[in-house]
Amino acid sequence: MQLVGGGMANPTHTNIEIHGVTYRDAKAAAAALGVSASQVRRACRNGRLAAVGTGRGYRSVTIRGVTYPNLSAAGRALGVSPNTVRAARRKGTLHRVGTGRVGPEPMRVRIADQVFENASAAAAHFGVKVMTVYSAISENDPERIARPKVYNPWKSQPFEVGGLSFPSMREASRALGFKNSEFIAQAIKRGSKKGRERILGAAMRYSDKNGGSAP
């Protein structure tokens, strides 16, 4: 038995009429209206087909300045499925629907009142490595990328550890494999016993690998 926007249940879930349009089954109705087939079947059982596709999540959607009456219409116009449009609206990436762009949304970076599309663009602008930008962001100090470098003779003094000698603590940090070039300077400034142990261990491994000589 056919269900027309409400009334008697449709146990076979075929020839379903919703808003004046007849669909061959629940799957076809779902694809057209931008909902799931289970929602259509549930509406059939409960006699609530009139509400299918009219809920808050399935109303008009605006993409790149064009407003579509529902997710299905947007999907048809842009060559994607209604579920793709729904997911994009949930993630805040409607501007990418139908453009072929996939993957995570690039993270914009703000440094010195300038907004960059991503860390790579910021790194290129300031002439630093991308990891330098990420490091500054992770330490909640992205502004340091734009600040003039201050010469610090303490950090620039030769540094010796485990029989190895380096031009500076910064060079030693890099040579010994610490991701943070300030690791050694910070560990010594804090008087960290654990930090000193890590530095000595790294120096011993470096010495074994390079025949006991520093760069």
N, C-alpha and C. Protein backbone atom coordinates (compact mmCIF):
# COMPACT_ATOMS: atom_id res chain seq x y z
N MET A 1 0.85 -1.20 0.00
CA MET A 1 0.00 0.00 0.00
C MET A 1 0.88 1.24 0.00
N GLN A 2 0.54 2.21 -0.79
CA GLN A 2 1.32 3.44 -0.93
C GLN A 2 0.99 4.42 0.17
N LEU A 3 2.03 5.13 0.63
CA LEU A 3 1.82 6.13 1.67
C LEU A 3 2.05 7.50 1.07
N VAL A 4 1.11 8.39 1.19
CA VAL A 4 1.21 9.71 0.59
C VAL A 4 1.35 10.75 1.69
N GLY A 5 2.61 11.06 2.05
CA GLY A 5 2.89 12.11 3.03
C GLY A 5 2.34 11.84 4.41
N GLY A 6 1.88 10.67 4.71
CA GLY A 6 1.34 10.34 6.02
C GLY A 6 0.28 9.28 5.85
N GLY A 7 -0.40 8.92 6.91
CA GLY A 7 -1.46 7.95 6.79
C GLY A 7 -1.00 6.54 7.07
N MET A 8 -1.43 5.55 6.25
CA MET A 8 -1.16 4.15 6.50
C MET A 8 0.29 3.80 6.21
N ALA A 9 0.79 2.81 6.90
CA ALA A 9 2.17 2.37 6.74
C ALA A 9 2.36 1.66 5.42
N ASN A 10 3.59 1.63 4.96
CA ASN A 10 3.95 0.96 3.70
C ASN A 10 4.96 -0.12 4.04
N PRO A 11 4.51 -1.34 4.33
CA PRO A 11 5.42 -2.39 4.79
C PRO A 11 6.47 -2.80 3.77
N THR A 12 6.22 -2.59 2.48
CA THR A 12 7.19 -3.00 1.46
C THR A 12 8.20 -1.91 1.15
N HIS A 13 7.92 -0.69 1.57
CA HIS A 13 8.81 0.45 1.35
C HIS A 13 9.12 0.65 -0.14
N THR A 14 8.10 0.43 -0.98
CA THR A 14 8.25 0.67 -2.42
C THR A 14 7.16 1.62 -2.88
N ASN A 15 7.40 2.25 -4.08
CA ASN A 15 6.43 3.21 -4.62
C ASN A 15 6.02 4.22 -3.54
N ILE A 16 7.03 4.86 -2.99
CA ILE A 16 6.82 5.78 -1.88
C ILE A 16 6.60 7.19 -2.42
N GLU A 17 5.50 7.80 -2.05
CA GLU A 17 5.21 9.16 -2.50
C GLU A 17 5.50 10.16 -1.39
N ILE A 18 6.37 11.13 -1.70
CA ILE A 18 6.73 12.15 -0.74
C ILE A 18 6.66 13.51 -1.42
N HIS A 19 5.89 14.42 -0.87
CA HIS A 19 5.74 15.76 -1.42
C HIS A 19 5.34 15.72 -2.90
N GLY A 20 4.46 14.78 -3.23
CA GLY A 20 3.94 14.71 -4.59
C GLY A 20 4.81 13.97 -5.58
N VAL A 21 5.94 13.44 -5.16
CA VAL A 21 6.83 12.69 -6.04
C VAL A 21 6.89 11.24 -5.58
N THR A 22 6.78 10.30 -6.53
CA THR A 22 6.81 8.88 -6.19
C THR A 22 8.19 8.31 -6.48
N TYR A 23 8.75 7.63 -5.49
CA TYR A 23 10.06 7.01 -5.62
C TYR A 23 9.89 5.48 -5.57
N ARG A 24 10.76 4.77 -6.30
CA ARG A 24 10.58 3.32 -6.41
C ARG A 24 10.80 2.60 -5.08
N ASP A 25 11.70 3.16 -4.24
CA ASP A 25 11.94 2.53 -2.93
C ASP A 25 12.57 3.55 -1.97
N ALA A 26 12.84 3.09 -0.76
CA ALA A 26 13.37 3.98 0.26
C ALA A 26 14.75 4.52 -0.12
N LYS A 27 15.55 3.70 -0.76
CA LYS A 27 16.90 4.13 -1.15
C LYS A 27 16.85 5.27 -2.16
N ALA A 28 15.94 5.16 -3.15
CA ALA A 28 15.81 6.21 -4.16
C ALA A 28 15.30 7.50 -3.55
N ALA A 29 14.36 7.40 -2.62
CA ALA A 29 13.82 8.59 -1.95
C ALA A 29 14.91 9.26 -1.11
N ALA A 30 15.69 8.44 -0.44
CA ALA A 30 16.76 8.98 0.41
C ALA A 30 17.78 9.74 -0.41
N ALA A 31 18.17 9.17 -1.56
CA ALA A 31 19.16 9.82 -2.42
C ALA A 31 18.66 11.15 -2.94
N ALA A 32 17.38 11.22 -3.24
CA ALA A 32 16.82 12.44 -3.80
C ALA A 32 16.64 13.53 -2.75
N LEU A 33 16.35 13.13 -1.53
CA LEU A 33 16.02 14.10 -0.49
C LEU A 33 17.18 14.41 0.45
N GLY A 34 18.28 13.71 0.25
CA GLY A 34 19.45 13.99 1.09
C GLY A 34 19.33 13.47 2.51
N VAL A 35 18.63 12.35 2.67
CA VAL A 35 18.51 11.72 3.98
C VAL A 35 18.95 10.26 3.84
N SER A 36 18.91 9.53 4.93
CA SER A 36 19.30 8.12 4.86
C SER A 36 18.09 7.26 4.54
N ALA A 37 18.35 6.08 3.95
CA ALA A 37 17.26 5.16 3.62
C ALA A 37 16.53 4.71 4.88
N SER A 38 17.28 4.56 5.98
CA SER A 38 16.65 4.13 7.24
C SER A 38 15.66 5.19 7.73
N GLN A 39 15.96 6.47 7.48
CA GLN A 39 15.04 7.53 7.88
C GLN A 39 13.73 7.43 7.09
N VAL A 40 13.87 7.12 5.80
CA VAL A 40 12.67 6.99 4.96
C VAL A 40 11.84 5.80 5.42
N ARG A 41 12.51 4.66 5.66
CA ARG A 41 11.78 3.47 6.10
C ARG A 41 11.10 3.71 7.45
N ARG A 42 11.80 4.42 8.34
CA ARG A 42 11.21 4.71 9.65
C ARG A 42 9.99 5.62 9.49
N ALA A 43 10.10 6.60 8.59
CA ALA A 43 8.97 7.50 8.34
C ALA A 43 7.79 6.72 7.76
N CYS A 44 8.10 5.72 6.91
CA CYS A 44 7.04 4.88 6.35
C CYS A 44 6.30 4.14 7.46
N ARG A 45 7.08 3.55 8.38
CA ARG A 45 6.46 2.78 9.46
C ARG A 45 5.64 3.66 10.39
N ASN A 46 6.11 4.89 10.61
CA ASN A 46 5.43 5.77 11.55
C ASN A 46 4.40 6.70 10.90
N GLY A 47 4.25 6.59 9.57
CA GLY A 47 3.28 7.44 8.89
C GLY A 47 3.66 8.90 8.91
N ARG A 48 4.97 9.21 8.78
CA ARG A 48 5.42 10.60 8.87
C ARG A 48 6.27 10.99 7.64
N LEU A 49 5.91 10.49 6.50
CA LEU A 49 6.67 10.81 5.29
C LEU A 49 6.64 12.29 4.94
N ALA A 50 5.61 12.99 5.36
CA ALA A 50 5.50 14.41 5.03
C ALA A 50 6.65 15.21 5.63
N ALA A 51 7.27 14.68 6.69
CA ALA A 51 8.34 15.41 7.36
C ALA A 51 9.72 15.08 6.80
N VAL A 52 9.80 14.07 5.93
CA VAL A 52 11.10 13.66 5.40
C VAL A 52 11.70 14.75 4.53
N GLY A 53 12.94 15.11 4.82
CA GLY A 53 13.63 16.11 4.01
C GLY A 53 13.26 17.54 4.33
N THR A 54 12.48 17.75 5.40
CA THR A 54 12.07 19.12 5.74
C THR A 54 12.64 19.57 7.08
N GLY A 55 13.38 18.67 7.74
CA GLY A 55 13.94 19.02 9.03
C GLY A 55 15.01 20.10 8.91
N ARG A 56 15.46 20.58 10.05
CA ARG A 56 16.45 21.66 10.09
C ARG A 56 17.71 21.32 9.31
N GLY A 57 18.11 20.04 9.41
CA GLY A 57 19.36 19.64 8.75
C GLY A 57 19.24 19.50 7.25
N TYR A 58 18.03 19.63 6.69
CA TYR A 58 17.85 19.39 5.25
C TYR A 58 17.22 20.57 4.53
N ARG A 59 17.29 21.73 5.14
CA ARG A 59 16.74 22.91 4.49
C ARG A 59 17.75 23.52 3.55
N SER A 60 17.46 24.71 3.06
CA SER A 60 18.31 25.35 2.05
C SER A 60 19.75 25.47 2.52
N VAL A 61 20.65 25.44 1.55
CA VAL A 61 22.07 25.54 1.86
C VAL A 61 22.72 26.46 0.82
N THR A 62 23.60 27.33 1.29
CA THR A 62 24.26 28.28 0.39
C THR A 62 25.73 27.89 0.22
N ILE A 63 26.14 27.76 -1.04
CA ILE A 63 27.52 27.37 -1.36
C ILE A 63 28.08 28.34 -2.38
N ARG A 64 29.14 29.01 -2.02
CA ARG A 64 29.81 29.98 -2.89
C ARG A 64 28.82 30.98 -3.49
N GLY A 65 27.90 31.47 -2.63
CA GLY A 65 26.97 32.51 -3.04
C GLY A 65 25.69 32.03 -3.69
N VAL A 66 25.58 30.72 -3.93
CA VAL A 66 24.37 30.17 -4.55
C VAL A 66 23.58 29.40 -3.50
N THR A 67 22.28 29.69 -3.38
CA THR A 67 21.44 29.01 -2.39
C THR A 67 20.62 27.92 -3.07
N TYR A 68 20.72 26.71 -2.54
CA TYR A 68 19.98 25.56 -3.05
C TYR A 68 18.88 25.19 -2.06
N PRO A 69 17.73 24.72 -2.54
CA PRO A 69 16.59 24.45 -1.64
C PRO A 69 16.87 23.35 -0.62
N ASN A 70 17.75 22.40 -0.96
CA ASN A 70 18.07 21.33 -0.02
C ASN A 70 19.42 20.70 -0.39
N LEU A 71 19.85 19.75 0.41
CA LEU A 71 21.14 19.11 0.18
C LEU A 71 21.18 18.35 -1.13
N SER A 72 20.06 17.72 -1.47
CA SER A 72 20.00 16.95 -2.70
C SER A 72 20.19 17.84 -3.93
N ALA A 73 19.51 18.99 -3.92
CA ALA A 73 19.63 19.91 -5.05
C ALA A 73 21.05 20.44 -5.17
N ALA A 74 21.67 20.72 -4.04
CA ALA A 74 23.05 21.20 -4.05
C ALA A 74 23.98 20.13 -4.60
N GLY A 75 23.76 18.90 -4.14
CA GLY A 75 24.59 17.79 -4.60
C GLY A 75 24.48 17.57 -6.10
N ARG A 76 23.23 17.61 -6.61
CA ARG A 76 23.02 17.41 -8.06
C ARG A 76 23.71 18.50 -8.86
N ALA A 77 23.61 19.73 -8.39
CA ALA A 77 24.18 20.86 -9.13
C ALA A 77 25.71 20.82 -9.13
N LEU A 78 26.28 20.30 -8.06
CA LEU A 78 27.74 20.33 -7.92
C LEU A 78 28.41 18.99 -8.19
N GLY A 79 27.59 17.99 -8.54
CA GLY A 79 28.16 16.70 -8.91
C GLY A 79 28.65 15.86 -7.76
N VAL A 80 28.03 16.03 -6.58
CA VAL A 80 28.41 15.23 -5.41
C VAL A 80 27.14 14.66 -4.78
N SER A 81 27.32 13.82 -3.79
CA SER A 81 26.16 13.23 -3.12
C SER A 81 25.64 14.16 -2.03
N PRO A 82 24.37 14.01 -1.65
CA PRO A 82 23.83 14.82 -0.56
C PRO A 82 24.63 14.63 0.73
N ASN A 83 25.13 13.41 0.94
CA ASN A 83 25.91 13.15 2.15
C ASN A 83 27.20 13.96 2.16
N THR A 84 27.78 14.18 0.98
CA THR A 84 29.00 14.99 0.90
C THR A 84 28.70 16.43 1.32
N VAL A 85 27.56 16.94 0.87
CA VAL A 85 27.16 18.30 1.24
C VAL A 85 26.88 18.37 2.73
N ARG A 86 26.20 17.35 3.26
CA ARG A 86 25.88 17.32 4.69
C ARG A 86 27.15 17.32 5.53
N ALA A 87 28.12 16.48 5.13
CA ALA A 87 29.38 16.39 5.88
C ALA A 87 30.14 17.72 5.83
N ALA A 88 30.11 18.37 4.66
CA ALA A 88 30.81 19.65 4.51
C ALA A 88 30.17 20.72 5.39
N ARG A 89 28.84 20.72 5.47
CA ARG A 89 28.17 21.70 6.32
C ARG A 89 28.53 21.47 7.78
N ARG A 90 28.63 20.20 8.18
CA ARG A 90 28.98 19.89 9.56
C ARG A 90 30.41 20.32 9.88
N LYS A 91 31.33 20.19 8.90
CA LYS A 91 32.74 20.51 9.11
C LYS A 91 33.07 21.98 8.81
N GLY A 92 32.09 22.71 8.26
CA GLY A 92 32.35 24.11 7.93
C GLY A 92 33.16 24.27 6.66
N THR A 93 33.05 23.31 5.73
CA THR A 93 33.84 23.37 4.49
C THR A 93 32.96 23.39 3.24
N LEU A 94 31.79 24.03 3.34
CA LEU A 94 30.90 24.08 2.18
C LEU A 94 31.56 24.77 0.98
N HIS A 95 32.49 25.69 1.23
CA HIS A 95 33.13 26.41 0.14
C HIS A 95 33.97 25.49 -0.74
N ARG A 96 34.24 24.25 -0.27
CA ARG A 96 35.06 23.33 -1.05
C ARG A 96 34.24 22.32 -1.83
N VAL A 97 32.94 22.24 -1.56
CA VAL A 97 32.09 21.22 -2.19
C VAL A 97 32.09 21.38 -3.71
N GLY A 98 32.37 20.28 -4.40
CA GLY A 98 32.35 20.29 -5.86
C GLY A 98 33.59 20.86 -6.51
N THR A 99 34.61 21.21 -5.73
CA THR A 99 35.84 21.78 -6.31
C THR A 99 36.93 20.74 -6.47
N GLY A 100 36.72 19.54 -5.93
CA GLY A 100 37.73 18.50 -6.03
C GLY A 100 38.76 18.55 -4.93
N ARG A 101 38.68 19.53 -4.05
CA ARG A 101 39.63 19.63 -2.95
C ARG A 101 39.26 18.64 -1.87
N VAL A 102 40.24 17.86 -1.42
CA VAL A 102 40.01 16.86 -0.39
C VAL A 102 41.04 17.02 0.72
N GLY A 103 40.87 16.25 1.79
CA GLY A 103 41.83 16.29 2.89
C GLY A 103 41.48 17.37 3.90
N PRO A 104 42.28 17.48 4.95
CA PRO A 104 42.02 18.47 6.00
C PRO A 104 42.06 19.89 5.46
N GLU A 105 41.27 20.73 6.05
CA GLU A 105 41.27 22.15 5.68
C GLU A 105 42.58 22.78 6.14
N PRO A 106 43.29 23.46 5.25
CA PRO A 106 44.55 24.10 5.65
C PRO A 106 44.34 25.05 6.83
N MET A 107 45.26 25.03 7.78
CA MET A 107 45.15 25.87 8.97
C MET A 107 45.73 27.24 8.70
N ARG A 108 44.91 28.29 8.80
CA ARG A 108 45.41 29.65 8.61
C ARG A 108 46.29 30.04 9.80
N VAL A 109 47.30 30.83 9.51
CA VAL A 109 48.26 31.25 10.53
C VAL A 109 48.30 32.77 10.59
N ARG A 110 48.20 33.31 11.79
CA ARG A 110 48.25 34.76 11.97
C ARG A 110 49.54 35.13 12.71
N ILE A 111 50.37 35.93 12.06
CA ILE A 111 51.63 36.37 12.64
C ILE A 111 51.82 37.84 12.33
N ALA A 112 52.08 38.63 13.35
CA ALA A 112 52.32 40.07 13.18
C ALA A 112 51.21 40.73 12.36
N ASP A 113 49.95 40.44 12.72
CA ASP A 113 48.78 41.04 12.08
C ASP A 113 48.64 40.66 10.61
N GLN A 114 49.34 39.62 10.19
CA GLN A 114 49.20 39.12 8.83
C GLN A 114 48.63 37.70 8.89
N VAL A 115 47.68 37.41 8.01
CA VAL A 115 47.06 36.09 7.99
C VAL A 115 47.55 35.33 6.76
N PHE A 116 48.10 34.14 6.98
CA PHE A 116 48.61 33.30 5.90
C PHE A 116 47.73 32.06 5.78
N GLU A 117 47.60 31.55 4.56
CA GLU A 117 46.73 30.40 4.31
C GLU A 117 47.18 29.16 5.08
N ASN A 118 48.47 29.02 5.29
CA ASN A 118 48.99 27.87 6.01
C ASN A 118 50.39 28.16 6.53
N ALA A 119 50.95 27.18 7.25
CA ALA A 119 52.28 27.37 7.84
C ALA A 119 53.36 27.52 6.78
N SER A 120 53.19 26.83 5.66
CA SER A 120 54.19 26.91 4.58
C SER A 120 54.27 28.33 4.02
N ALA A 121 53.11 28.97 3.85
CA ALA A 121 53.09 30.34 3.33
C ALA A 121 53.74 31.30 4.33
N ALA A 122 53.47 31.08 5.62
CA ALA A 122 54.08 31.93 6.65
C ALA A 122 55.59 31.74 6.67
N ALA A 123 56.03 30.48 6.56
CA ALA A 123 57.47 30.19 6.58
C ALA A 123 58.18 30.84 5.39
N ALA A 124 57.56 30.77 4.22
CA ALA A 124 58.16 31.37 3.03
C ALA A 124 58.26 32.89 3.17
N HIS A 125 57.25 33.49 3.76
CA HIS A 125 57.24 34.96 3.93
C HIS A 125 58.35 35.42 4.86
N PHE A 126 58.56 34.71 5.95
CA PHE A 126 59.54 35.13 6.95
C PHE A 126 60.92 34.49 6.75
N GLY A 127 61.03 33.61 5.74
CA GLY A 127 62.32 33.00 5.46
C GLY A 127 62.79 32.03 6.52
N VAL A 128 61.86 31.25 7.06
CA VAL A 128 62.21 30.23 8.06
C VAL A 128 61.67 28.88 7.60
N LYS A 129 62.01 27.84 8.34
CA LYS A 129 61.51 26.51 8.02
C LYS A 129 60.08 26.35 8.52
N VAL A 130 59.34 25.46 7.85
CA VAL A 130 57.95 25.22 8.24
C VAL A 130 57.87 24.74 9.69
N MET A 131 58.81 23.86 10.08
CA MET A 131 58.79 23.33 11.44
C MET A 131 59.02 24.44 12.47
N THR A 132 59.73 25.49 12.06
CA THR A 132 59.93 26.62 12.97
C THR A 132 58.60 27.30 13.28
N VAL A 133 57.76 27.41 12.25
CA VAL A 133 56.43 28.01 12.43
C VAL A 133 55.57 27.12 13.32
N TYR A 134 55.56 25.81 13.03
CA TYR A 134 54.76 24.89 13.84
C TYR A 134 55.22 24.90 15.30
N SER A 135 56.54 24.96 15.51
CA SER A 135 57.08 24.98 16.86
C SER A 135 56.62 26.23 17.62
N ALA A 136 56.65 27.38 16.94
CA ALA A 136 56.22 28.63 17.56
C ALA A 136 54.74 28.58 17.90
N ILE A 137 53.93 27.98 17.03
CA ILE A 137 52.49 27.87 17.27
C ILE A 137 52.23 26.95 18.45
N SER A 138 52.92 25.80 18.50
CA SER A 138 52.71 24.84 19.58
C SER A 138 53.09 25.41 20.93
N GLU A 139 54.02 26.37 20.93
CA GLU A 139 54.45 27.00 22.18
C GLU A 139 53.71 28.30 22.45
N ASN A 140 52.61 28.52 21.69
CA ASN A 140 51.75 29.70 21.87
C ASN A 140 52.50 31.02 21.72
N ASP A 141 53.48 31.03 20.84
CA ASP A 141 54.23 32.27 20.61
C ASP A 141 54.56 32.45 19.13
N PRO A 142 53.54 32.45 18.25
CA PRO A 142 53.83 32.61 16.82
C PRO A 142 54.45 33.95 16.47
N GLU A 143 54.24 34.96 17.34
CA GLU A 143 54.77 36.30 17.06
C GLU A 143 56.30 36.33 17.06
N ARG A 144 56.91 35.34 17.70
CA ARG A 144 58.37 35.36 17.76
C ARG A 144 59.00 35.17 16.38
N ILE A 145 58.22 34.61 15.44
CA ILE A 145 58.73 34.43 14.07
C ILE A 145 59.05 35.79 13.45
N ALA A 146 58.25 36.80 13.80
CA ALA A 146 58.42 38.14 13.20
C ALA A 146 59.35 39.03 13.99
N ARG A 147 59.68 38.63 15.23
CA ARG A 147 60.53 39.49 16.04
C ARG A 147 61.99 39.44 15.57
N PRO A 148 62.69 40.57 15.61
CA PRO A 148 64.11 40.58 15.21
C PRO A 148 64.91 39.64 16.10
N LYS A 149 65.85 38.94 15.51
CA LYS A 149 66.69 38.02 16.28
C LYS A 149 67.63 38.81 17.16
N VAL A 150 67.74 38.41 18.40
CA VAL A 150 68.60 39.08 19.37
C VAL A 150 69.83 38.21 19.62
N TYR A 151 70.97 38.81 19.43
CA TYR A 151 72.21 38.06 19.66
C TYR A 151 72.39 37.78 21.14
N ASN A 152 72.59 36.54 21.48
CA ASN A 152 72.78 36.14 22.86
C ASN A 152 74.11 35.41 22.96
N PRO A 153 75.16 36.08 23.43
CA PRO A 153 76.47 35.46 23.48
C PRO A 153 76.52 34.21 24.35
N TRP A 154 75.62 34.15 25.37
CA TRP A 154 75.60 32.97 26.23
C TRP A 154 75.26 31.72 25.42
N LYS A 155 74.26 31.85 24.55
CA LYS A 155 73.86 30.70 23.74
C LYS A 155 74.83 30.46 22.59
N SER A 156 75.62 31.47 22.24
CA SER A 156 76.53 31.35 21.10
C SER A 156 77.93 30.89 21.51
N GLN A 157 78.15 30.68 22.81
CA GLN A 157 79.45 30.22 23.26
C GLN A 157 79.64 28.75 22.91
N PRO A 158 80.90 28.32 22.71
CA PRO A 158 81.18 26.90 22.45
C PRO A 158 80.61 26.04 23.58
N PHE A 159 80.12 24.88 23.21
CA PHE A 159 79.49 24.00 24.19
C PHE A 159 80.14 22.62 24.09
N GLU A 160 80.51 22.06 25.24
CA GLU A 160 81.16 20.76 25.28
C GLU A 160 80.33 19.78 26.11
N VAL A 161 80.25 18.55 25.60
CA VAL A 161 79.52 17.50 26.31
C VAL A 161 80.05 16.15 25.84
N GLY A 162 80.33 15.28 26.78
CA GLY A 162 80.78 13.92 26.44
C GLY A 162 82.00 13.88 25.55
N GLY A 163 82.91 14.84 25.73
CA GLY A 163 84.11 14.85 24.91
C GLY A 163 83.92 15.47 23.54
N LEU A 164 82.73 15.98 23.26
CA LEU A 164 82.44 16.63 21.98
C LEU A 164 82.37 18.14 22.17
N SER A 165 82.76 18.89 21.16
CA SER A 165 82.71 20.35 21.23
C SER A 165 81.91 20.89 20.05
N PHE A 166 80.97 21.80 20.36
CA PHE A 166 80.12 22.39 19.34
C PHE A 166 80.24 23.92 19.41
N PRO A 167 80.03 24.61 18.28
CA PRO A 167 80.14 26.08 18.25
C PRO A 167 79.19 26.78 19.21
N SER A 168 78.02 26.17 19.47
CA SER A 168 77.03 26.79 20.35
C SER A 168 76.07 25.73 20.84
N MET A 169 75.25 26.09 21.82
CA MET A 169 74.23 25.18 22.32
C MET A 169 73.20 24.87 21.25
N ARG A 170 72.88 25.89 20.46
CA ARG A 170 71.91 25.70 19.39
C ARG A 170 72.41 24.67 18.37
N GLU A 171 73.68 24.80 17.97
CA GLU A 171 74.26 23.85 17.02
C GLU A 171 74.34 22.46 17.63
N ALA A 172 74.64 22.40 18.93
CA ALA A 172 74.69 21.10 19.60
C ALA A 172 73.32 20.45 19.62
N SER A 173 72.27 21.23 19.90
CA SER A 173 70.90 20.70 19.92
C SER A 173 70.54 20.10 18.56
N ARG A 174 70.88 20.80 17.51
CA ARG A 174 70.57 20.32 16.16
C ARG A 174 71.37 19.08 15.82
N ALA A 175 72.67 19.11 16.13
CA ALA A 175 73.53 17.98 15.78
C ALA A 175 73.16 16.73 16.56
N LEU A 176 72.70 16.89 17.79
CA LEU A 176 72.37 15.74 18.63
C LEU A 176 70.95 15.24 18.42
N GLY A 177 70.23 15.87 17.49
CA GLY A 177 68.92 15.34 17.10
C GLY A 177 67.73 15.85 17.86
N PHE A 178 67.87 16.93 18.63
CA PHE A 178 66.72 17.49 19.34
C PHE A 178 65.92 18.37 18.38
N LYS A 179 64.62 18.15 18.32
CA LYS A 179 63.76 18.91 17.41
C LYS A 179 63.76 20.39 17.75
N ASN A 180 63.82 20.70 19.04
CA ASN A 180 63.85 22.09 19.49
C ASN A 180 65.31 22.54 19.57
N SER A 181 65.70 23.50 18.74
CA SER A 181 67.09 23.95 18.71
C SER A 181 67.50 24.63 20.01
N GLU A 182 66.54 24.97 20.86
CA GLU A 182 66.84 25.61 22.14
C GLU A 182 66.83 24.61 23.30
N PHE A 183 66.74 23.33 22.98
CA PHE A 183 66.58 22.32 24.03
C PHE A 183 67.71 22.37 25.05
N ILE A 184 68.95 22.35 24.58
CA ILE A 184 70.09 22.31 25.51
C ILE A 184 70.15 23.58 26.36
N ALA A 185 69.97 24.74 25.71
CA ALA A 185 70.01 26.01 26.45
C ALA A 185 68.93 26.04 27.52
N GLN A 186 67.74 25.57 27.17
CA GLN A 186 66.63 25.59 28.13
C GLN A 186 66.86 24.61 29.27
N ALA A 187 67.40 23.41 28.94
CA ALA A 187 67.64 22.39 29.96
C ALA A 187 68.69 22.87 30.97
N ILE A 188 69.74 23.51 30.47
CA ILE A 188 70.80 23.99 31.36
C ILE A 188 70.31 25.17 32.19
N LYS A 189 69.53 26.05 31.58
CA LYS A 189 69.00 27.21 32.31
C LYS A 189 68.09 26.77 33.45
N ARG A 190 67.31 25.71 33.22
CA ARG A 190 66.41 25.21 34.27
C ARG A 190 67.13 24.34 35.30
N GLY A 191 68.35 23.92 34.94
CA GLY A 191 69.07 23.01 35.83
C GLY A 191 68.42 21.65 35.88
N SER A 192 67.87 21.22 34.73
CA SER A 192 67.13 19.96 34.66
C SER A 192 68.08 18.76 34.63
N LYS A 193 67.99 17.92 35.66
CA LYS A 193 68.82 16.72 35.71
C LYS A 193 68.45 15.75 34.60
N LYS A 194 67.16 15.59 34.39
CA LYS A 194 66.70 14.70 33.32
C LYS A 194 67.15 15.22 31.96
N GLY A 195 67.10 16.55 31.79
CA GLY A 195 67.52 17.14 30.53
C GLY A 195 68.99 16.91 30.28
N ARG A 196 69.81 17.05 31.31
CA ARG A 196 71.26 16.83 31.17
C ARG A 196 71.55 15.37 30.82
N GLU A 197 70.77 14.47 31.41
CA GLU A 197 70.96 13.05 31.11
C GLU A 197 70.62 12.76 29.65
N ARG A 198 69.55 13.40 29.15
CA ARG A 198 69.19 13.22 27.74
C ARG A 198 70.28 13.77 26.82
N ILE A 199 70.84 14.91 27.20
CA ILE A 199 71.90 15.52 26.39
C ILE A 199 73.13 14.63 26.35
N LEU A 200 73.53 14.11 27.51
CA LEU A 200 74.70 13.25 27.58
C LEU A 200 74.48 11.96 26.79
N GLY A 201 73.28 11.40 26.92
CA GLY A 201 72.96 10.18 26.18
C GLY A 201 73.02 10.41 24.68
N ALA A 202 72.47 11.55 24.24
CA ALA A 202 72.49 11.89 22.81
C ALA A 202 73.92 12.09 22.33
N ALA A 203 74.76 12.70 23.19
CA ALA A 203 76.16 12.93 22.83
C ALA A 203 76.92 11.61 22.68
N MET A 204 76.63 10.66 23.56
CA MET A 204 77.29 9.36 23.49
C MET A 204 76.89 8.62 22.22
N ARG A 205 75.61 8.68 21.87
CA ARG A 205 75.17 8.03 20.64
C ARG A 205 75.79 8.70 19.42
N TYR A 206 75.85 10.02 19.47
CA TYR A 206 76.46 10.78 18.37
C TYR A 206 77.93 10.41 18.22
N SER A 207 78.63 10.29 19.36
CA SER A 207 80.05 9.95 19.33
C SER A 207 80.28 8.57 18.75
N ASP A 208 79.46 7.61 19.15
CA ASP A 208 79.58 6.24 18.63
C ASP A 208 79.35 6.19 17.13
N LYS A 209 78.38 6.99 16.68
CA LYS A 209 78.03 6.99 15.26
C LYS A 209 79.05 7.72 14.41
N ASN A 210 79.69 8.76 14.95
CA ASN A 210 80.58 9.60 14.15
C ASN A 210 82.06 9.48 14.57
N GLY A 211 82.39 8.43 15.29
CA GLY A 211 83.79 8.21 15.63
C GLY A 211 84.34 9.22 16.61
N GLY A 212 83.50 9.77 17.48
CA GLY A 212 83.96 10.65 18.54
C GLY A 212 84.29 12.05 18.12
N SER A 213 83.82 12.49 16.95
CA SER A 213 84.12 13.86 16.51
C SER A 213 82.85 14.64 16.27
N ALA A 214 82.88 15.91 16.62
CA ALA A 214 81.74 16.82 16.40
C ALA A 214 81.89 17.47 15.03
N PRO A 215 80.81 18.02 14.50
CA PRO A 215 80.86 18.65 13.18
C PRO A 215 81.75 19.90 13.18
